[in-house]
ModelCIF file with pLDDT and N, C-alpha, C, O atoms, coordinates in Angstrom:
data_MODEL
#
_entry.id   MODEL 
#
_entity.id                         1 
_entity.type                       polymer 
_entity.pdbx_number_of_molecules   1 
#
_entity_poly.entity_id                      1 
_entity_poly.type                           'polypeptide(L)' 
_entity_poly.nstd_linkage                   no 
_entity_poly.nstd_monomer                   no 
_entity_poly.pdbx_seq_one_letter_code       PTVEEVLEALAAAAPGSGARRVLVQPHLLFPGHVADGVEEAVAVARRR 
_entity_poly.pdbx_seq_one_letter_code_can   PTVEEVLEALAAAAPGSGARRVLVQPHLLFPGHVADGVEEAVAVARRR 
_entity_poly.pdbx_strand_id                 A 
#
loop_
_entity_poly_seq.entity_id 
_entity_poly_seq.num 
_entity_poly_seq.mon_id 
_entity_poly_seq.hetero 
1 1  PRO n 
1 2  THR n 
1 3  VAL n 
1 4  GLU n 
1 5  GLU n 
1 6  VAL n 
1 7  LEU n 
1 8  GLU n 
1 9  ALA n 
1 10 LEU n 
1 11 ALA n 
1 12 ALA n 
1 13 ALA n 
1 14 ALA n 
1 15 PRO n 
1 16 GLY n 
1 17 SER n 
1 18 GLY n 
1 19 ALA n 
1 20 ARG n 
1 21 ARG n 
1 22 VAL n 
1 23 LEU n 
1 24 VAL n 
1 25 GLN n 
1 26 PRO n 
1 27 HIS n 
1 28 LEU n 
1 29 LEU n 
1 30 PHE n 
1 31 PRO n 
1 32 GLY n 
1 33 HIS n 
1 34 VAL n 
1 35 ALA n 
1 36 ASP n 
1 37 GLY n 
1 38 VAL n 
1 39 GLU n 
1 40 GLU n 
1 41 ALA n 
1 42 VAL n 
1 43 ALA n 
1 44 VAL n 
1 45 ALA n 
1 46 ARG n 
1 47 ARG n 
1 48 ARG n 
#
_struct_asym.id          A 
_struct_asym.entity_id   1 
#
loop_
_ma_qa_metric.id 
_ma_qa_metric.mode 
_ma_qa_metric.name 
_ma_qa_metric.software_group_id 
_ma_qa_metric.type 
1 global pLDDT . pLDDT 
2 local  pLDDT . pLDDT 
#
_ma_qa_metric_global.metric_id      1 
_ma_qa_metric_global.metric_value   96.71 
_ma_qa_metric_global.model_id       1 
_ma_qa_metric_global.ordinal_id     1 
#
loop_
_ma_qa_metric_local.label_asym_id 
_ma_qa_metric_local.label_comp_id 
_ma_qa_metric_local.label_seq_id 
_ma_qa_metric_local.metric_id 
_ma_qa_metric_local.metric_value 
_ma_qa_metric_local.model_id 
_ma_qa_metric_local.ordinal_id 
A PRO 1  2 96.00 1 1  
A THR 2  2 96.00 1 2  
A VAL 3  2 97.00 1 3  
A GLU 4  2 97.00 1 4  
A GLU 5  2 98.00 1 5  
A VAL 6  2 98.00 1 6  
A LEU 7  2 98.00 1 7  
A GLU 8  2 98.00 1 8  
A ALA 9  2 98.00 1 9  
A LEU 10 2 98.00 1 10 
A ALA 11 2 98.00 1 11 
A ALA 12 2 98.00 1 12 
A ALA 13 2 97.00 1 13 
A ALA 14 2 96.00 1 14 
A PRO 15 2 95.00 1 15 
A GLY 16 2 96.00 1 16 
A SER 17 2 95.00 1 17 
A GLY 18 2 94.00 1 18 
A ALA 19 2 96.00 1 19 
A ARG 20 2 95.00 1 20 
A ARG 21 2 97.00 1 21 
A VAL 22 2 98.00 1 22 
A LEU 23 2 98.00 1 23 
A VAL 24 2 98.00 1 24 
A GLN 25 2 98.00 1 25 
A PRO 26 2 98.00 1 26 
A HIS 27 2 97.00 1 27 
A LEU 28 2 97.00 1 28 
A LEU 29 2 96.00 1 29 
A PHE 30 2 94.00 1 30 
A PRO 31 2 95.00 1 31 
A GLY 32 2 94.00 1 32 
A HIS 33 2 94.00 1 33 
A VAL 34 2 93.00 1 34 
A ALA 35 2 95.00 1 35 
A ASP 36 2 96.00 1 36 
A GLY 37 2 96.00 1 37 
A VAL 38 2 96.00 1 38 
A GLU 39 2 97.00 1 39 
A GLU 40 2 97.00 1 40 
A ALA 41 2 98.00 1 41 
A VAL 42 2 98.00 1 42 
A ALA 43 2 98.00 1 43 
A VAL 44 2 98.00 1 44 
A ALA 45 2 98.00 1 45 
A ARG 46 2 98.00 1 46 
A ARG 47 2 98.00 1 47 
A ARG 48 2 98.00 1 48 
#
loop_
_atom_site.group_PDB 
_atom_site.id 
_atom_site.type_symbol 
_atom_site.label_atom_id 
_atom_site.label_alt_id 
_atom_site.label_comp_id 
_atom_site.label_asym_id 
_atom_site.label_entity_id 
_atom_site.label_seq_id 
_atom_site.pdbx_PDB_ins_code 
_atom_site.Cartn_x 
_atom_site.Cartn_y 
_atom_site.Cartn_z 
_atom_site.occupancy 
_atom_site.B_iso_or_equiv 
_atom_site.pdbx_formal_charge 
_atom_site.auth_seq_id 
_atom_site.auth_comp_id 
_atom_site.auth_asym_id 
_atom_site.auth_atom_id 
_atom_site.pdbx_PDB_model_num 
ATOM 1   N N  . PRO A 1 1  ? -4.212  -11.117 7.755   1.00 96.00 ? 1  PRO A N  1 
ATOM 2   C CA . PRO A 1 1  ? -3.614  -10.928 6.432   1.00 96.00 ? 1  PRO A CA 1 
ATOM 3   C C  . PRO A 1 1  ? -2.415  -9.991  6.452   1.00 96.00 ? 1  PRO A C  1 
ATOM 4   O O  . PRO A 1 1  ? -2.325  -9.089  7.285   1.00 96.00 ? 1  PRO A O  1 
ATOM 5   N N  . THR A 1 2  ? -1.505  -10.220 5.524   1.00 96.00 ? 2  THR A N  1 
ATOM 6   C CA . THR A 1 2  ? -0.327  -9.375  5.418   1.00 96.00 ? 2  THR A CA 1 
ATOM 7   C C  . THR A 1 2  ? -0.697  -8.039  4.782   1.00 96.00 ? 2  THR A C  1 
ATOM 8   O O  . THR A 1 2  ? -1.813  -7.847  4.299   1.00 96.00 ? 2  THR A O  1 
ATOM 9   N N  . VAL A 1 3  ? 0.258   -7.132  4.793   1.00 97.00 ? 3  VAL A N  1 
ATOM 10  C CA . VAL A 1 3  ? 0.057   -5.830  4.154   1.00 97.00 ? 3  VAL A CA 1 
ATOM 11  C C  . VAL A 1 3  ? -0.300  -6.028  2.684   1.00 97.00 ? 3  VAL A C  1 
ATOM 12  O O  . VAL A 1 3  ? -1.260  -5.441  2.187   1.00 97.00 ? 3  VAL A O  1 
ATOM 13  N N  . GLU A 1 4  ? 0.476   -6.857  1.996   1.00 97.00 ? 4  GLU A N  1 
ATOM 14  C CA . GLU A 1 4  ? 0.249   -7.086  0.562   1.00 97.00 ? 4  GLU A CA 1 
ATOM 15  C C  . GLU A 1 4  ? -1.120  -7.707  0.305   1.00 97.00 ? 4  GLU A C  1 
ATOM 16  O O  . GLU A 1 4  ? -1.798  -7.337  -0.654  1.00 97.00 ? 4  GLU A O  1 
ATOM 17  N N  . GLU A 1 5  ? -1.527  -8.642  1.146   1.00 98.00 ? 5  GLU A N  1 
ATOM 18  C CA . GLU A 1 5  ? -2.829  -9.285  0.973   1.00 98.00 ? 5  GLU A CA 1 
ATOM 19  C C  . GLU A 1 5  ? -3.979  -8.291  1.139   1.00 98.00 ? 5  GLU A C  1 
ATOM 20  O O  . GLU A 1 5  ? -4.965  -8.349  0.405   1.00 98.00 ? 5  GLU A O  1 
ATOM 21  N N  . VAL A 1 6  ? -3.851  -7.394  2.088   1.00 98.00 ? 6  VAL A N  1 
ATOM 22  C CA . VAL A 1 6  ? -4.905  -6.408  2.318   1.00 98.00 ? 6  VAL A CA 1 
ATOM 23  C C  . VAL A 1 6  ? -4.991  -5.421  1.160   1.00 98.00 ? 6  VAL A C  1 
ATOM 24  O O  . VAL A 1 6  ? -6.088  -5.064  0.731   1.00 98.00 ? 6  VAL A O  1 
ATOM 25  N N  . LEU A 1 7  ? -3.855  -4.982  0.656   1.00 98.00 ? 7  LEU A N  1 
ATOM 26  C CA . LEU A 1 7  ? -3.876  -4.050  -0.473  1.00 98.00 ? 7  LEU A CA 1 
ATOM 27  C C  . LEU A 1 7  ? -4.513  -4.694  -1.699  1.00 98.00 ? 7  LEU A C  1 
ATOM 28  O O  . LEU A 1 7  ? -5.280  -4.048  -2.414  1.00 98.00 ? 7  LEU A O  1 
ATOM 29  N N  . GLU A 1 8  ? -4.200  -5.957  -1.943  1.00 98.00 ? 8  GLU A N  1 
ATOM 30  C CA . GLU A 1 8  ? -4.801  -6.658  -3.073  1.00 98.00 ? 8  GLU A CA 1 
ATOM 31  C C  . GLU A 1 8  ? -6.307  -6.851  -2.862  1.00 98.00 ? 8  GLU A C  1 
ATOM 32  O O  . GLU A 1 8  ? -7.086  -6.718  -3.806  1.00 98.00 ? 8  GLU A O  1 
ATOM 33  N N  . ALA A 1 9  ? -6.710  -7.159  -1.646  1.00 98.00 ? 9  ALA A N  1 
ATOM 34  C CA . ALA A 1 9  ? -8.133  -7.359  -1.357  1.00 98.00 ? 9  ALA A CA 1 
ATOM 35  C C  . ALA A 1 9  ? -8.916  -6.066  -1.566  1.00 98.00 ? 9  ALA A C  1 
ATOM 36  O O  . ALA A 1 9  ? -10.029 -6.093  -2.091  1.00 98.00 ? 9  ALA A O  1 
ATOM 37  N N  . LEU A 1 10 ? -8.344  -4.943  -1.161  1.00 98.00 ? 10 LEU A N  1 
ATOM 38  C CA . LEU A 1 10 ? -9.031  -3.663  -1.346  1.00 98.00 ? 10 LEU A CA 1 
ATOM 39  C C  . LEU A 1 10 ? -9.084  -3.271  -2.822  1.00 98.00 ? 10 LEU A C  1 
ATOM 40  O O  . LEU A 1 10 ? -10.073 -2.704  -3.287  1.00 98.00 ? 10 LEU A O  1 
ATOM 41  N N  . ALA A 1 11 ? -8.025  -3.574  -3.544  1.00 98.00 ? 11 ALA A N  1 
ATOM 42  C CA . ALA A 1 11 ? -8.045  -3.296  -4.980  1.00 98.00 ? 11 ALA A CA 1 
ATOM 43  C C  . ALA A 1 11 ? -9.142  -4.096  -5.665  1.00 98.00 ? 11 ALA A C  1 
ATOM 44  O O  . ALA A 1 11 ? -9.805  -3.598  -6.575  1.00 98.00 ? 11 ALA A O  1 
ATOM 45  N N  . ALA A 1 12 ? -9.334  -5.341  -5.227  1.00 98.00 ? 12 ALA A N  1 
ATOM 46  C CA . ALA A 1 12 ? -10.381 -6.186  -5.802  1.00 98.00 ? 12 ALA A CA 1 
ATOM 47  C C  . ALA A 1 12 ? -11.770 -5.684  -5.414  1.00 98.00 ? 12 ALA A C  1 
ATOM 48  O O  . ALA A 1 12 ? -12.720 -5.825  -6.185  1.00 98.00 ? 12 ALA A O  1 
ATOM 49  N N  . ALA A 1 13 ? -11.890 -5.101  -4.225  1.00 97.00 ? 13 ALA A N  1 
ATOM 50  C CA . ALA A 1 13 ? -13.192 -4.634  -3.744  1.00 97.00 ? 13 ALA A CA 1 
ATOM 51  C C  . ALA A 1 13 ? -13.566 -3.267  -4.290  1.00 97.00 ? 13 ALA A C  1 
ATOM 52  O O  . ALA A 1 13 ? -14.738 -2.893  -4.270  1.00 97.00 ? 13 ALA A O  1 
ATOM 53  N N  . ALA A 1 14 ? -12.593 -2.521  -4.773  1.00 96.00 ? 14 ALA A N  1 
ATOM 54  C CA . ALA A 1 14 ? -12.838 -1.144  -5.189  1.00 96.00 ? 14 ALA A CA 1 
ATOM 55  C C  . ALA A 1 14 ? -13.902 -1.009  -6.277  1.00 96.00 ? 14 ALA A C  1 
ATOM 56  O O  . ALA A 1 14 ? -14.783 -0.160  -6.138  1.00 96.00 ? 14 ALA A O  1 
ATOM 57  N N  . PRO A 1 15 ? -13.868 -1.808  -7.361  1.00 95.00 ? 15 PRO A N  1 
ATOM 58  C CA . PRO A 1 15 ? -14.880 -1.607  -8.408  1.00 95.00 ? 15 PRO A CA 1 
ATOM 59  C C  . PRO A 1 15 ? -16.312 -1.769  -7.904  1.00 95.00 ? 15 PRO A C  1 
ATOM 60  O O  . PRO A 1 15 ? -17.192 -0.996  -8.283  1.00 95.00 ? 15 PRO A O  1 
ATOM 61  N N  . GLY A 1 16 ? -16.549 -2.754  -7.066  1.00 96.00 ? 16 GLY A N  1 
ATOM 62  C CA . GLY A 1 16 ? -17.893 -2.967  -6.552  1.00 96.00 ? 16 GLY A CA 1 
ATOM 63  C C  . GLY A 1 16 ? -18.350 -1.911  -5.584  1.00 96.00 ? 16 GLY A C  1 
ATOM 64  O O  . GLY A 1 16 ? -19.548 -1.655  -5.462  1.00 96.00 ? 16 GLY A O  1 
ATOM 65  N N  . SER A 1 17 ? -17.417 -1.292  -4.893  1.00 95.00 ? 17 SER A N  1 
ATOM 66  C CA . SER A 1 17 ? -17.774 -0.268  -3.900  1.00 95.00 ? 17 SER A CA 1 
ATOM 67  C C  . SER A 1 17 ? -17.923 1.112   -4.526  1.00 95.00 ? 17 SER A C  1 
ATOM 68  O O  . SER A 1 17 ? -18.567 1.991   -3.953  1.00 95.00 ? 17 SER A O  1 
ATOM 69  N N  . GLY A 1 18 ? -17.335 1.302   -5.688  1.00 94.00 ? 18 GLY A N  1 
ATOM 70  C CA . GLY A 1 18 ? -17.332 2.624   -6.307  1.00 94.00 ? 18 GLY A CA 1 
ATOM 71  C C  . GLY A 1 18 ? -16.162 3.481   -5.897  1.00 94.00 ? 18 GLY A C  1 
ATOM 72  O O  . GLY A 1 18 ? -16.007 4.593   -6.403  1.00 94.00 ? 18 GLY A O  1 
ATOM 73  N N  . ALA A 1 19 ? -15.328 2.993   -4.990  1.00 96.00 ? 19 ALA A N  1 
ATOM 74  C CA . ALA A 1 19 ? -14.190 3.767   -4.506  1.00 96.00 ? 19 ALA A CA 1 
ATOM 75  C C  . ALA A 1 19 ? -13.127 3.889   -5.590  1.00 96.00 ? 19 ALA A C  1 
ATOM 76  O O  . ALA A 1 19 ? -12.879 2.945   -6.340  1.00 96.00 ? 19 ALA A O  1 
ATOM 77  N N  . ARG A 1 20 ? -12.510 5.048   -5.664  1.00 95.00 ? 20 ARG A N  1 
ATOM 78  C CA . ARG A 1 20 ? -11.421 5.268   -6.598  1.00 95.00 ? 20 ARG A CA 1 
ATOM 79  C C  . ARG A 1 20 ? -10.103 5.508   -5.881  1.00 95.00 ? 20 ARG A C  1 
ATOM 80  O O  . ARG A 1 20 ? -9.057  5.662   -6.513  1.00 95.00 ? 20 ARG A O  1 
ATOM 81  N N  . ARG A 1 21 ? -10.165 5.539   -4.531  1.00 97.00 ? 21 ARG A N  1 
ATOM 82  C CA . ARG A 1 21 ? -8.950  5.819   -3.764  1.00 97.00 ? 21 ARG A CA 1 
ATOM 83  C C  . ARG A 1 21 ? -8.827  4.849   -2.600  1.00 97.00 ? 21 ARG A C  1 
ATOM 84  O O  . ARG A 1 21 ? -9.819  4.448   -1.991  1.00 97.00 ? 21 ARG A O  1 
ATOM 85  N N  . VAL A 1 22 ? -7.589  4.483   -2.308  1.00 98.00 ? 22 VAL A N  1 
ATOM 86  C CA . VAL A 1 22 ? -7.290  3.657   -1.140  1.00 98.00 ? 22 VAL A CA 1 
ATOM 87  C C  . VAL A 1 22 ? -6.361  4.435   -0.227  1.00 98.00 ? 22 VAL A C  1 
ATOM 88  O O  . VAL A 1 22 ? -5.249  4.793   -0.615  1.00 98.00 ? 22 VAL A O  1 
ATOM 89  N N  . LEU A 1 23 ? -6.823  4.693   0.989   1.00 98.00 ? 23 LEU A N  1 
ATOM 90  C CA . LEU A 1 23 ? -5.951  5.270   2.014   1.00 98.00 ? 23 LEU A CA 1 
ATOM 91  C C  . LEU A 1 23 ? -5.211  4.138   2.693   1.00 98.00 ? 23 LEU A C  1 
ATOM 92  O O  . LEU A 1 23 ? -5.819  3.150   3.105   1.00 98.00 ? 23 LEU A O  1 
ATOM 93  N N  . VAL A 1 24 ? -3.907  4.276   2.812   1.00 98.00 ? 24 VAL A N  1 
ATOM 94  C CA . VAL A 1 24 ? -3.072  3.265   3.471   1.00 98.00 ? 24 VAL A CA 1 
ATOM 95  C C  . VAL A 1 24 ? -2.496  3.913   4.723   1.00 98.00 ? 24 VAL A C  1 
ATOM 96  O O  . VAL A 1 24 ? -1.629  4.783   4.646   1.00 98.00 ? 24 VAL A O  1 
ATOM 97  N N  . GLN A 1 25 ? -2.992  3.478   5.874   1.00 98.00 ? 25 GLN A N  1 
ATOM 98  C CA . GLN A 1 25 ? -2.610  4.127   7.130   1.00 98.00 ? 25 GLN A CA 1 
ATOM 99  C C  . GLN A 1 25 ? -1.747  3.200   7.980   1.00 98.00 ? 25 GLN A C  1 
ATOM 100 O O  . GLN A 1 25 ? -2.259  2.238   8.552   1.00 98.00 ? 25 GLN A O  1 
ATOM 101 N N  . PRO A 1 26 ? -0.435  3.476   8.073   1.00 98.00 ? 26 PRO A N  1 
ATOM 102 C CA . PRO A 1 26 ? 0.418   2.694   8.964   1.00 98.00 ? 26 PRO A CA 1 
ATOM 103 C C  . PRO A 1 26 ? 0.256   3.175   10.408  1.00 98.00 ? 26 PRO A C  1 
ATOM 104 O O  . PRO A 1 26 ? 0.595   4.312   10.737  1.00 98.00 ? 26 PRO A O  1 
ATOM 105 N N  . HIS A 1 27 ? -0.263  2.298   11.256  1.00 97.00 ? 27 HIS A N  1 
ATOM 106 C CA . HIS A 1 27 ? -0.457  2.645   12.671  1.00 97.00 ? 27 HIS A CA 1 
ATOM 107 C C  . HIS A 1 27 ? 0.868   2.382   13.382  1.00 97.00 ? 27 HIS A C  1 
ATOM 108 O O  . HIS A 1 27 ? 1.038   1.384   14.082  1.00 97.00 ? 27 HIS A O  1 
ATOM 109 N N  . LEU A 1 28 ? 1.798   3.312   13.178  1.00 97.00 ? 28 LEU A N  1 
ATOM 110 C CA . LEU A 1 28 ? 3.164   3.152   13.654  1.00 97.00 ? 28 LEU A CA 1 
ATOM 111 C C  . LEU A 1 28 ? 3.648   4.445   14.301  1.00 97.00 ? 28 LEU A C  1 
ATOM 112 O O  . LEU A 1 28 ? 3.250   5.541   13.907  1.00 97.00 ? 28 LEU A O  1 
ATOM 113 N N  . LEU A 1 29 ? 4.505   4.296   15.289  1.00 96.00 ? 29 LEU A N  1 
ATOM 114 C CA . LEU A 1 29 ? 5.120   5.461   15.912  1.00 96.00 ? 29 LEU A CA 1 
ATOM 115 C C  . LEU A 1 29 ? 6.439   5.825   15.254  1.00 96.00 ? 29 LEU A C  1 
ATOM 116 O O  . LEU A 1 29 ? 6.749   7.004   15.082  1.00 96.00 ? 29 LEU A O  1 
ATOM 117 N N  . PHE A 1 30 ? 7.210   4.821   14.889  1.00 94.00 ? 30 PHE A N  1 
ATOM 118 C CA . PHE A 1 30 ? 8.605   5.043   14.521  1.00 94.00 ? 30 PHE A CA 1 
ATOM 119 C C  . PHE A 1 30 ? 8.883   4.736   13.052  1.00 94.00 ? 30 PHE A C  1 
ATOM 120 O O  . PHE A 1 30 ? 8.189   3.917   12.449  1.00 94.00 ? 30 PHE A O  1 
ATOM 121 N N  . PRO A 1 31 ? 9.892   5.388   12.471  1.00 95.00 ? 31 PRO A N  1 
ATOM 122 C CA . PRO A 1 31 ? 10.361  4.981   11.152  1.00 95.00 ? 31 PRO A CA 1 
ATOM 123 C C  . PRO A 1 31 ? 11.143  3.672   11.271  1.00 95.00 ? 31 PRO A C  1 
ATOM 124 O O  . PRO A 1 31 ? 11.405  3.204   12.379  1.00 95.00 ? 31 PRO A O  1 
ATOM 125 N N  . GLY A 1 32 ? 11.508  3.091   10.152  1.00 94.00 ? 32 GLY A N  1 
ATOM 126 C CA . GLY A 1 32 ? 12.273  1.847   10.189  1.00 94.00 ? 32 GLY A CA 1 
ATOM 127 C C  . GLY A 1 32 ? 11.812  0.887   9.120   1.00 94.00 ? 32 GLY A C  1 
ATOM 128 O O  . GLY A 1 32 ? 11.125  1.276   8.176   1.00 94.00 ? 32 GLY A O  1 
ATOM 129 N N  . HIS A 1 33 ? 12.196  -0.380  9.269   1.00 94.00 ? 33 HIS A N  1 
ATOM 130 C CA . HIS A 1 33 ? 11.948  -1.342  8.199   1.00 94.00 ? 33 HIS A CA 1 
ATOM 131 C C  . HIS A 1 33 ? 10.460  -1.629  8.007   1.00 94.00 ? 33 HIS A C  1 
ATOM 132 O O  . HIS A 1 33 ? 10.035  -1.946  6.896   1.00 94.00 ? 33 HIS A O  1 
ATOM 133 N N  . VAL A 1 34 ? 9.655   -1.523  9.080   1.00 93.00 ? 34 VAL A N  1 
ATOM 134 C CA . VAL A 1 34 ? 8.221   -1.771  8.918   1.00 93.00 ? 34 VAL A CA 1 
ATOM 135 C C  . VAL A 1 34 ? 7.583   -0.664  8.074   1.00 93.00 ? 34 VAL A C  1 
ATOM 136 O O  . VAL A 1 34 ? 6.837   -0.945  7.136   1.00 93.00 ? 34 VAL A O  1 
ATOM 137 N N  . ALA A 1 35 ? 7.877   0.581   8.411   1.00 95.00 ? 35 ALA A N  1 
ATOM 138 C CA . ALA A 1 35 ? 7.351   1.702   7.627   1.00 95.00 ? 35 ALA A CA 1 
ATOM 139 C C  . ALA A 1 35 ? 7.859   1.651   6.194   1.00 95.00 ? 35 ALA A C  1 
ATOM 140 O O  . ALA A 1 35 ? 7.112   1.935   5.258   1.00 95.00 ? 35 ALA A O  1 
ATOM 141 N N  . ASP A 1 36 ? 9.125   1.292   6.020   1.00 96.00 ? 36 ASP A N  1 
ATOM 142 C CA . ASP A 1 36 ? 9.683   1.180   4.672   1.00 96.00 ? 36 ASP A CA 1 
ATOM 143 C C  . ASP A 1 36 ? 8.976   0.072   3.886   1.00 96.00 ? 36 ASP A C  1 
ATOM 144 O O  . ASP A 1 36 ? 8.724   0.210   2.689   1.00 96.00 ? 36 ASP A O  1 
ATOM 145 N N  . GLY A 1 37 ? 8.660   -1.033  4.582   1.00 96.00 ? 37 GLY A N  1 
ATOM 146 C CA . GLY A 1 37 ? 7.973   -2.134  3.924   1.00 96.00 ? 37 GLY A CA 1 
ATOM 147 C C  . GLY A 1 37 ? 6.585   -1.741  3.442   1.00 96.00 ? 37 GLY A C  1 
ATOM 148 O O  . GLY A 1 37 ? 6.137   -2.200  2.391   1.00 96.00 ? 37 GLY A O  1 
ATOM 149 N N  . VAL A 1 38 ? 5.907   -0.897  4.201   1.00 96.00 ? 38 VAL A N  1 
ATOM 150 C CA . VAL A 1 38 ? 4.586   -0.406  3.781   1.00 96.00 ? 38 VAL A CA 1 
ATOM 151 C C  . VAL A 1 38 ? 4.721   0.410   2.503   1.00 96.00 ? 38 VAL A C  1 
ATOM 152 O O  . VAL A 1 38 ? 3.941   0.234   1.567   1.00 96.00 ? 38 VAL A O  1 
ATOM 153 N N  . GLU A 1 39 ? 5.707   1.302   2.458   1.00 97.00 ? 39 GLU A N  1 
ATOM 154 C CA . GLU A 1 39 ? 5.922   2.122   1.261   1.00 97.00 ? 39 GLU A CA 1 
ATOM 155 C C  . GLU A 1 39 ? 6.216   1.244   0.047   1.00 97.00 ? 39 GLU A C  1 
ATOM 156 O O  . GLU A 1 39 ? 5.726   1.505   -1.052  1.00 97.00 ? 39 GLU A O  1 
ATOM 157 N N  . GLU A 1 40 ? 7.009   0.214   0.254   1.00 97.00 ? 40 GLU A N  1 
ATOM 158 C CA . GLU A 1 40 ? 7.344   -0.676  -0.860  1.00 97.00 ? 40 GLU A CA 1 
ATOM 159 C C  . GLU A 1 40 ? 6.110   -1.434  -1.348  1.00 97.00 ? 40 GLU A C  1 
ATOM 160 O O  . GLU A 1 40 ? 5.921   -1.607  -2.552  1.00 97.00 ? 40 GLU A O  1 
ATOM 161 N N  . ALA A 1 41 ? 5.275   -1.882  -0.418  1.00 98.00 ? 41 ALA A N  1 
ATOM 162 C CA . ALA A 1 41 ? 4.061   -2.602  -0.794  1.00 98.00 ? 41 ALA A CA 1 
ATOM 163 C C  . ALA A 1 41 ? 3.105   -1.695  -1.567  1.00 98.00 ? 41 ALA A C  1 
ATOM 164 O O  . ALA A 1 41 ? 2.465   -2.133  -2.523  1.00 98.00 ? 41 ALA A O  1 
ATOM 165 N N  . VAL A 1 42 ? 3.011   -0.435  -1.154  1.00 98.00 ? 42 VAL A N  1 
ATOM 166 C CA . VAL A 1 42 ? 2.142   0.513   -1.854  1.00 98.00 ? 42 VAL A CA 1 
ATOM 167 C C  . VAL A 1 42 ? 2.679   0.791   -3.258  1.00 98.00 ? 42 VAL A C  1 
ATOM 168 O O  . VAL A 1 42 ? 1.901   0.931   -4.201  1.00 98.00 ? 42 VAL A O  1 
ATOM 169 N N  . ALA A 1 43 ? 3.991   0.870   -3.399  1.00 98.00 ? 43 ALA A N  1 
ATOM 170 C CA . ALA A 1 43 ? 4.578   1.091   -4.719  1.00 98.00 ? 43 ALA A CA 1 
ATOM 171 C C  . ALA A 1 43 ? 4.212   -0.051  -5.666  1.00 98.00 ? 43 ALA A C  1 
ATOM 172 O O  . ALA A 1 43 ? 3.919   0.182   -6.839  1.00 98.00 ? 43 ALA A O  1 
ATOM 173 N N  . VAL A 1 44 ? 4.229   -1.278  -5.161  1.00 98.00 ? 44 VAL A N  1 
ATOM 174 C CA . VAL A 1 44 ? 3.835   -2.430  -5.968  1.00 98.00 ? 44 VAL A CA 1 
ATOM 175 C C  . VAL A 1 44 ? 2.355   -2.334  -6.334  1.00 98.00 ? 44 VAL A C  1 
ATOM 176 O O  . VAL A 1 44 ? 1.981   -2.584  -7.480  1.00 98.00 ? 44 VAL A O  1 
ATOM 177 N N  . ALA A 1 45 ? 1.513   -1.973  -5.362  1.00 98.00 ? 45 ALA A N  1 
ATOM 178 C CA . ALA A 1 45 ? 0.071   -1.851  -5.616  1.00 98.00 ? 45 ALA A CA 1 
ATOM 179 C C  . ALA A 1 45 ? -0.219  -0.786  -6.660  1.00 98.00 ? 45 ALA A C  1 
ATOM 180 O O  . ALA A 1 45 ? -1.119  -0.957  -7.483  1.00 98.00 ? 45 ALA A O  1 
ATOM 181 N N  . ARG A 1 46 ? 0.525   0.305   -6.638  1.00 98.00 ? 46 ARG A N  1 
ATOM 182 C CA . ARG A 1 46 ? 0.329   1.361   -7.642  1.00 98.00 ? 46 ARG A CA 1 
ATOM 183 C C  . ARG A 1 46 ? 0.620   0.840   -9.046  1.00 98.00 ? 46 ARG A C  1 
ATOM 184 O O  . ARG A 1 46 ? -0.089  1.160   -10.000 1.00 98.00 ? 46 ARG A O  1 
ATOM 185 N N  . ARG A 1 47 ? 1.661   0.042   -9.156  1.00 98.00 ? 47 ARG A N  1 
ATOM 186 C CA . ARG A 1 47 ? 2.001   -0.496  -10.477 1.00 98.00 ? 47 ARG A CA 1 
ATOM 187 C C  . ARG A 1 47 ? 0.968   -1.516  -10.941 1.00 98.00 ? 47 ARG A C  1 
ATOM 188 O O  . ARG A 1 47 ? 0.636   -1.579  -12.125 1.00 98.00 ? 47 ARG A O  1 
ATOM 189 N N  . ARG A 1 48 ? 0.465   -2.312  -10.007 1.00 98.00 ? 48 ARG A N  1 
ATOM 190 C CA . ARG A 1 48 ? -0.499  -3.358  -10.365 1.00 98.00 ? 48 ARG A CA 1 
ATOM 191 C C  . ARG A 1 48 ? -1.892  -2.802  -10.631 1.00 98.00 ? 48 ARG A C  1 
ATOM 192 O O  . ARG A 1 48 ? -2.810  -3.561  -10.943 1.00 98.00 ? 48 ARG A O  1 
#
């Protein structure tokens, strides 16, 4: 699954699990477009 798909899946699973927080951990060494893309996806998830 893509980054966006995983964030949506966790948001859907949160009510049943009781979780109120989602940790988003980029397993990355370097900055760049991949890290930026994660930040953008999280910004969308926050709004949704």
